Each structure stands twice: as structure tokens, then as C-alpha cells.
Amino acid sequence: MDDSLKAALLGLVQGLSEFLPISSSAHLHALHHVLDFKDQPIAFDLALHLATLAAVILYFRKEIWTVLRTSTRWPVLLRIVVATVPIAIAGLLLKDVRENAPAWIPVLGWAVSGVYLLLLGRARGGTQVYASAPLRVALGVGAAQALSILPGMSRSGTTITAGIWSGLSRDEAARFSFFLSIAAIVLASLAKARDLAKLSLSGTELSGLWASAAIGMPVAFATGMAAIHLLLRVVRGASFHRFGWYNLLAAGVYGGYLIVVG
């Protein structure tokens, strides 16, 4: 596949699946396996993460600024920290497991995600706002987020589901999830930047990376913005659980592919 098309496709997948409850890691895992993509350079992965980080910050810029200016910033920041600790620990302990996951792990993750999302259709959610929710709620959402270390277990899917089941309103659960995504993407970007610092790239490699990033980053940013907008509308419309059908379909299709092709 042409490098430009490959960069655009990876940017599209990263932007959409980073925020929709369909697991970016599972989609990238499947792409690498089905299309025989080689592992992407760390620098390119970092560029795509920064693009999606820019998307969520820009989308919620007014809310972020409001929180930082008012007295609610400390309760919000405390809950973000509490909810981020589990995934930070899981990231350190399970990094090799995530990066070297067997091909069937995304199938299992998609299947589990499909089931819990469909079960969410029975939950109406509460009226609690994340800024004043008990710390145990933040910790529970964070523990659920840690499951997204495994391909197929969507970060947004686990956090929004856990938030709604814990009594947050649907809109508040989604917004808390997006705030947590900022911390999660920052941590992932720092880890990739640390790994990148250990490498020495030639001029030719750097030139190729710049060319790929120039295509992939705008695509990831634009699709990330669109995915955030879509997800907020879907959550408010109480049809968020229907993404479960997509995950079950993805599990079936990819599982079938692995059985037939291997």
C-alpha cells in the first residue's frame, strides 16, 4: 500500500476509534495483521496521539478554561488523578502484554465490549455530576479504564459505561471520560516520547516520518473532532449501547478471518 494512503488510513482509524467505544488498539492490531502493515515508527504513533490530544483539548477548550478558572478545578483535578492512577499502573505493568498481544485478544476484547455495551441499554444513568461524585466513583471509573490496556476493551466504552452504572448522568459520564482521555493520551505520549528519545533516526527516516505525519495528523485531528461530537450526541440520545452490536460484529468478522486465514 502507498505510504500516503497508509498514513491517511491509520490517521482515520486512530481519530475515530480513539474516542468512539470501538477500541483503537484492536483496530490497529487488526489492520497490521490483515493488511500486513509493519509496526509503525514510534514517532508516527506519537504524532497521531498528539493530533487526537489536540482534538479533545480544542473541542472542550471552553469547559477546560471554565474549570481552571473556578473553584471547581481542585475537585475535578483530584477526580481525574484518582481515576488515572489505575491505568498508569496497568500501563507500566502490562506494556509488553499490550504490545505483543496474541491475535485472538482483540476478538475477545471486542466480544466482551459488545456484551457490556448492550447491557448498558438497560441503565438510565443517574443525576450525579462528575465534579462532586464520591472519590470511589472516580476510582471505579479509573479501574474500568485500566481494562482498556487490552486490545478490544475500548477506553471510552469502559469509562462511560462505568460512569453511568455508578450514577453519573449520561452526559456527565461522557464528559468525565473525555477529561480522562486527556490524561491518558498525555501519559501514552510521554511513554512514546521516552522510547523515541532512545532511538537515533537517519535523515531519510526523519524525512519519511515528516511526510507521513503531515498526512496522518490532520486526518486524525479532523476525525477525532467528528468522533467526539458524534459520541456526545449518541450518549445524550441514549443509543450509546448500540455500539455493542458493532463490537460483536467486529469480533465475529475478525475471528472468522483468523480461523480461515490464520
Protein backbone atom coordinates (compact mmCIF):
# COMPACT_ATOMS: atom_id res chain seq x y z
CA MET A 1 0.00 0.00 0.00
CA ASP A 2 1.19 3.50 -0.83
CA ASP A 3 2.75 5.25 2.19
CA SER A 4 0.49 8.30 1.84
CA LEU A 5 -2.66 6.18 1.74
CA LYS A 6 -1.37 4.10 4.64
CA ALA A 7 -0.74 7.24 6.74
CA ALA A 8 -4.22 8.57 5.94
CA LEU A 9 -5.86 5.22 6.81
CA LEU A 10 -4.02 4.98 10.14
CA GLY A 11 -4.94 8.59 10.93
CA LEU A 12 -8.59 7.86 10.13
CA VAL A 13 -8.67 4.76 12.33
CA GLN A 14 -6.86 6.50 15.18
CA GLY A 15 -9.11 9.56 15.12
CA LEU A 16 -12.39 7.65 15.01
CA SER A 17 -11.60 4.73 17.29
CA GLU A 18 -9.72 6.74 19.93
CA PHE A 19 -12.99 8.30 21.10
CA LEU A 20 -15.76 6.01 19.85
CA PRO A 21 -16.28 2.88 22.01
CA ILE A 22 -14.81 0.53 19.41
CA SER A 23 -11.16 0.28 20.58
CA SER A 24 -8.37 1.97 18.64
CA SER A 25 -5.81 -0.64 19.72
CA ALA A 26 -7.95 -3.52 18.39
CA HIS A 27 -8.49 -1.78 15.05
CA LEU A 28 -4.79 -1.02 14.65
CA HIS A 29 -3.93 -4.59 15.69
CA ALA A 30 -6.32 -5.95 13.05
CA LEU A 31 -5.04 -3.56 10.38
CA HIS A 32 -1.46 -4.63 10.97
CA HIS A 33 -2.48 -8.29 10.77
CA VAL A 34 -4.92 -8.21 7.85
CA LEU A 35 -3.09 -5.70 5.64
CA ASP A 36 0.33 -6.90 6.74
CA PHE A 37 1.32 -3.46 7.99
CA LYS A 38 4.69 -3.37 9.63
CA ASP A 39 4.85 -1.85 13.10
CA GLN A 40 4.61 1.91 12.77
CA PRO A 41 7.57 4.05 13.88
CA ILE A 42 7.21 5.34 17.42
CA ALA A 43 7.46 8.90 16.11
CA PHE A 44 4.43 8.39 13.84
CA ASP A 45 2.39 6.84 16.65
CA LEU A 46 3.33 9.80 18.83
CA ALA A 47 2.25 12.23 16.11
CA LEU A 48 -1.19 10.61 15.86
CA HIS A 49 -1.60 10.66 19.65
CA LEU A 50 -0.76 14.37 19.70
CA ALA A 51 -3.30 15.01 16.94
CA THR A 52 -6.10 13.34 18.92
CA LEU A 53 -4.95 15.13 22.08
CA ALA A 54 -5.24 18.45 20.24
CA ALA A 55 -8.73 17.46 19.06
CA VAL A 56 -10.13 16.77 22.54
CA ILE A 57 -8.49 19.85 24.06
CA LEU A 58 -9.80 22.11 21.31
CA TYR A 59 -13.30 20.62 21.47
CA PHE A 60 -13.56 21.10 25.24
CA ARG A 61 -11.47 24.28 25.41
CA LYS A 62 -14.28 26.38 26.92
CA GLU A 63 -15.12 23.80 29.57
CA ILE A 64 -11.45 23.27 30.39
CA TRP A 65 -10.90 27.01 30.72
CA THR A 66 -14.01 27.37 32.90
CA VAL A 67 -12.87 24.58 35.21
CA LEU A 68 -9.37 26.02 35.54
CA ARG A 69 -10.73 29.48 36.40
CA THR A 70 -13.20 28.45 39.09
CA SER A 71 -13.07 26.79 42.48
CA THR A 72 -14.25 23.51 40.94
CA ARG A 73 -10.80 22.93 39.46
CA TRP A 74 -9.44 21.15 42.53
CA PRO A 75 -12.33 18.65 42.90
CA VAL A 76 -12.19 17.95 39.16
CA LEU A 77 -8.40 17.57 39.08
CA LEU A 78 -8.50 15.31 42.14
CA ARG A 79 -11.02 13.00 40.49
CA ILE A 80 -9.03 12.94 37.26
CA VAL A 81 -5.87 11.99 39.17
CA VAL A 82 -7.66 9.29 41.17
CA ALA A 83 -9.20 7.84 38.01
CA THR A 84 -5.91 7.96 36.09
CA VAL A 85 -3.79 6.09 38.65
CA PRO A 86 -5.12 2.60 37.72
CA ILE A 87 -4.35 2.95 34.00
CA ALA A 88 -0.93 4.42 34.76
CA ILE A 89 -0.11 1.37 36.88
CA ALA A 90 -1.58 -1.01 34.31
CA GLY A 91 0.39 0.69 31.55
CA LEU A 92 3.65 0.14 33.40
CA LEU A 93 2.92 -3.47 34.34
CA LEU A 94 1.23 -4.64 31.15
CA LYS A 95 3.06 -2.70 28.42
CA ASP A 96 4.60 -5.84 26.91
CA VAL A 97 1.27 -7.69 27.10
CA ARG A 98 -0.45 -4.89 25.17
CA GLU A 99 2.26 -4.59 22.52
CA ASN A 100 2.62 -8.35 21.99
CA ALA A 101 -1.00 -9.41 22.42
CA PRO A 102 -1.95 -12.59 20.51
CA ALA A 103 -4.25 -12.08 17.53
CA TRP A 104 -7.25 -13.52 19.42
CA ILE A 105 -7.09 -10.94 22.25
CA PRO A 106 -8.81 -8.20 20.19
CA VAL A 107 -11.56 -10.70 19.30
CA LEU A 108 -12.14 -11.46 22.97
CA GLY A 109 -11.99 -7.78 23.89
CA TRP A 110 -14.48 -6.79 21.20
CA ALA A 111 -16.84 -9.58 22.30
CA VAL A 112 -16.72 -8.54 25.96
CA SER A 113 -17.16 -4.88 25.00
CA GLY A 114 -20.15 -5.76 22.86
CA VAL A 115 -21.86 -7.54 25.72
CA TYR A 116 -21.36 -4.86 28.37
CA LEU A 117 -22.36 -2.07 25.99
CA LEU A 118 -25.60 -3.87 25.10
CA LEU A 119 -26.34 -4.43 28.78
CA LEU A 120 -25.88 -0.68 29.26
CA GLY A 121 -29.09 -0.17 27.29
CA ARG A 122 -30.97 -1.09 30.46
CA ALA A 123 -29.26 1.58 32.55
CA ARG A 124 -30.80 5.05 32.56
CA GLY A 125 -27.98 6.68 34.47
CA GLY A 126 -28.32 8.96 37.49
CA THR A 127 -28.12 12.68 38.02
CA GLN A 128 -24.69 12.87 39.66
CA VAL A 129 -22.11 15.27 38.19
CA TYR A 130 -18.50 14.11 37.99
CA ALA A 131 -17.07 17.16 39.77
CA SER A 132 -18.88 16.27 43.01
CA ALA A 133 -19.10 12.50 42.65
CA PRO A 134 -17.62 10.42 45.51
CA LEU A 135 -13.98 9.51 45.00
CA ARG A 136 -14.97 5.84 44.92
CA VAL A 137 -16.87 6.59 41.70
CA ALA A 138 -13.77 8.13 40.15
CA LEU A 139 -11.71 5.15 41.29
CA GLY A 140 -14.26 2.72 39.85
CA VAL A 141 -14.25 4.52 36.52
CA GLY A 142 -10.46 4.50 36.61
CA ALA A 143 -10.35 0.77 37.33
CA ALA A 144 -12.63 0.19 34.33
CA GLN A 145 -10.38 2.41 32.21
CA ALA A 146 -7.39 0.23 33.13
CA LEU A 147 -9.07 -2.65 31.28
CA SER A 148 -8.56 -0.72 28.03
CA ILE A 149 -4.90 -1.72 28.17
CA LEU A 150 -6.11 -4.90 26.46
CA PRO A 151 -6.93 -4.50 22.72
CA GLY A 152 -10.66 -4.58 22.15
CA MET A 153 -11.54 -3.06 25.51
CA SER A 154 -12.34 0.50 24.50
CA ARG A 155 -11.21 3.26 26.85
CA SER A 156 -14.26 5.42 26.18
CA GLY A 157 -16.55 2.41 26.32
CA THR A 158 -15.31 1.21 29.70
CA THR A 159 -15.24 4.65 31.33
CA ILE A 160 -18.62 5.85 30.09
CA THR A 161 -20.25 2.53 30.98
CA ALA A 162 -18.71 2.54 34.46
CA GLY A 163 -19.72 6.17 34.97
CA ILE A 164 -23.36 5.57 34.02
CA TRP A 165 -23.63 2.43 36.16
CA SER A 166 -22.09 4.41 39.06
CA GLY A 167 -24.84 7.02 38.96
CA LEU A 168 -23.42 9.74 36.72
CA SER A 169 -25.78 11.21 34.17
CA ARG A 170 -25.06 10.10 30.62
CA ASP A 171 -23.72 13.49 29.59
CA GLU A 172 -21.55 13.79 32.72
CA ALA A 173 -20.17 10.27 32.24
CA ALA A 174 -19.18 11.14 28.68
CA ARG A 175 -17.57 14.44 29.66
CA PHE A 176 -15.65 12.82 32.51
CA SER A 177 -14.47 10.17 30.05
CA PHE A 178 -13.16 12.83 27.68
CA PHE A 179 -11.37 14.64 30.52
CA LEU A 180 -9.76 11.33 31.46
CA SER A 181 -8.76 10.82 27.84
CA ILE A 182 -6.60 13.94 28.04
CA ALA A 183 -4.62 12.47 30.93
CA ALA A 184 -4.46 9.02 29.31
CA ILE A 185 -3.23 10.37 25.96
CA VAL A 186 -0.65 12.58 27.70
CA LEU A 187 0.70 9.56 29.61
CA ALA A 188 0.81 7.44 26.44
CA SER A 189 2.53 10.26 24.55
CA LEU A 190 5.14 10.70 27.28
CA ALA A 191 5.86 6.97 27.21
CA LYS A 192 6.29 7.05 23.43
CA ALA A 193 8.44 10.19 23.64
CA ARG A 194 10.68 8.40 26.17
CA ASP A 195 11.05 5.42 23.84
CA LEU A 196 11.68 7.75 20.90
CA ALA A 197 14.46 9.51 22.79
CA LYS A 198 16.36 6.22 22.93
CA LEU A 199 16.40 5.91 19.15
CA SER A 200 18.64 7.51 16.57
CA LEU A 201 16.92 8.19 13.25
CA SER A 202 18.65 8.83 9.95
CA GLY A 203 17.86 11.80 7.76
CA THR A 204 15.96 9.59 5.33
CA GLU A 205 13.84 8.12 8.13
CA LEU A 206 13.08 11.57 9.51
CA SER A 207 12.04 12.80 6.07
CA GLY A 208 9.66 9.87 5.65
CA LEU A 209 8.20 10.41 9.12
CA TRP A 210 7.55 14.08 8.43
CA ALA A 211 5.77 13.18 5.20
CA SER A 212 3.60 10.55 6.91
CA ALA A 213 2.83 12.81 9.88
CA ALA A 214 1.83 15.66 7.54
CA ILE A 215 -0.91 13.40 6.18
CA GLY A 216 -1.86 11.32 9.21
CA MET A 217 -2.09 14.10 11.80
CA PRO A 218 -4.70 16.29 10.05
CA VAL A 219 -6.80 13.21 9.31
CA ALA A 220 -6.60 12.01 12.94
CA PHE A 221 -7.40 15.51 14.22
CA ALA A 222 -10.42 16.03 11.94
CA THR A 223 -11.89 12.57 12.50
CA GLY A 224 -11.20 12.87 16.24
CA MET A 225 -13.23 16.08 16.41
CA ALA A 226 -16.05 14.45 14.45
CA ALA A 227 -15.97 11.35 16.69
CA ILE A 228 -16.22 13.44 19.87
CA HIS A 229 -19.19 15.37 18.51
CA LEU A 230 -20.91 12.18 17.37
CA LEU A 231 -20.33 10.37 20.65
CA LEU A 232 -21.78 13.19 22.76
CA ARG A 233 -24.92 13.25 20.60
CA VAL A 234 -25.27 9.47 20.76
CA VAL A 235 -24.82 9.34 24.53
CA ARG A 236 -27.43 12.06 25.07
CA GLY A 237 -29.81 10.20 22.79
CA ALA A 238 -29.50 7.05 24.94
CA SER A 239 -28.34 4.92 22.00
CA PHE A 240 -24.73 4.58 23.11
CA HIS A 241 -25.23 0.88 23.84
CA ARG A 242 -25.80 0.17 20.15
CA PHE A 243 -22.06 0.35 19.57
CA GLY A 244 -22.15 -3.06 21.24
CA TRP A 245 -23.52 -4.53 18.01
CA TYR A 246 -20.57 -3.09 16.11
CA ASN A 247 -18.11 -4.64 18.56
CA LEU A 248 -19.79 -8.04 18.34
CA LEU A 249 -19.74 -7.81 14.55
CA ALA A 250 -16.06 -6.83 14.59
CA ALA A 251 -15.30 -9.79 16.88
CA GLY A 252 -17.15 -12.15 14.55
CA VAL A 253 -15.58 -10.84 11.34
CA TYR A 254 -12.02 -10.70 12.68
CA GLY A 255 -12.43 -14.03 14.47
CA GLY A 256 -13.69 -15.60 11.24
CA TYR A 257 -10.74 -14.15 9.37
CA LEU A 258 -8.30 -15.65 11.86
CA ILE A 259 -9.95 -19.06 11.57
CA VAL A 260 -9.94 -19.06 7.76
CA VAL A 261 -6.71 -17.22 7.00
CA GLY A 262 -4.81 -17.51 10.29
